[in-house]
Amino acid sequence: MKDMLYRVEEVARALRIGRTKVFDLIRAGELTSVKIGGSRRIPATSVQEYLSRLMQEAA
């Protein structure tokens, strides 16, 4: 099964940005996230939607 949720660090590494920028994107509503206990997780679909929006804006 493919991962459904990613840690902030994993998303930062995948997008080649810093952790702080990922948290900025979450606060700005660009990425959605959920809290599980004390951990912040980002759904894979949220990352894909964010990338799709970036690609549309670039076109």
Protein backbone atom coordinates (compact mmCIF):
# COMPACT_ATOMS: atom_id res chain seq x y z
CA MET A 1 0.00 0.00 0.00
CA LYS A 2 1.27 3.44 -0.89
CA ASP A 3 1.75 5.90 1.96
CA MET A 4 -1.33 8.02 2.59
CA LEU A 5 0.16 10.47 5.07
CA TYR A 6 3.58 12.07 5.18
CA ARG A 7 5.56 13.78 7.91
CA VAL A 8 6.48 17.43 7.38
CA GLU A 9 10.12 16.43 6.91
CA GLU A 10 9.20 13.94 4.18
CA VAL A 11 7.18 16.55 2.27
CA ALA A 12 9.99 19.09 2.63
CA ARG A 13 12.50 16.60 1.23
CA ALA A 14 10.19 15.60 -1.64
CA LEU A 15 9.53 19.23 -2.62
CA ARG A 16 13.16 20.26 -1.99
CA ILE A 17 12.12 22.98 0.46
CA GLY A 18 12.67 23.51 4.18
CA ARG A 19 10.45 22.39 7.05
CA THR A 20 9.61 26.00 7.86
CA LYS A 21 8.33 26.57 4.32
CA VAL A 22 6.09 23.47 4.63
CA PHE A 23 4.62 24.88 7.85
CA ASP A 24 4.15 28.24 6.07
CA LEU A 25 2.23 26.46 3.28
CA ILE A 26 0.04 24.72 5.88
CA ARG A 27 -0.70 28.03 7.64
CA ALA A 28 -1.51 29.70 4.31
CA GLY A 29 -3.93 26.90 3.41
CA GLU A 30 -1.84 25.76 0.44
CA LEU A 31 -1.34 22.34 2.03
CA THR A 32 -3.87 20.61 4.24
CA SER A 33 -2.72 18.65 7.24
CA VAL A 34 -4.08 16.61 10.11
CA LYS A 35 -2.88 16.10 13.64
CA ILE A 36 -2.50 12.59 14.98
CA GLY A 37 -1.64 12.88 18.62
CA GLY A 38 1.08 15.51 18.71
CA SER A 39 2.25 14.83 15.17
CA ARG A 40 1.38 16.83 12.06
CA ARG A 41 0.76 14.72 8.93
CA ILE A 42 0.10 15.81 5.36
CA PRO A 43 -2.12 13.67 3.12
CA ALA A 44 -0.53 12.54 -0.15
CA THR A 45 -3.55 13.96 -2.00
CA SER A 46 -2.83 17.41 -0.55
CA VAL A 47 0.72 17.34 -1.93
CA GLN A 48 -0.54 16.24 -5.36
CA GLU A 49 -3.21 18.97 -5.41
CA TYR A 50 -0.63 21.58 -4.42
CA LEU A 51 1.70 20.48 -7.23
CA SER A 52 -1.18 20.49 -9.72
CA ARG A 53 -2.03 24.09 -8.76
CA LEU A 54 1.61 25.11 -9.21
CA MET A 55 1.70 23.49 -12.66
CA GLN A 56 -1.54 25.25 -13.71
CA GLU A 57 -0.21 28.61 -12.55
CA ALA A 58 3.01 28.05 -14.48
CA ALA A 59 1.16 27.28 -17.73
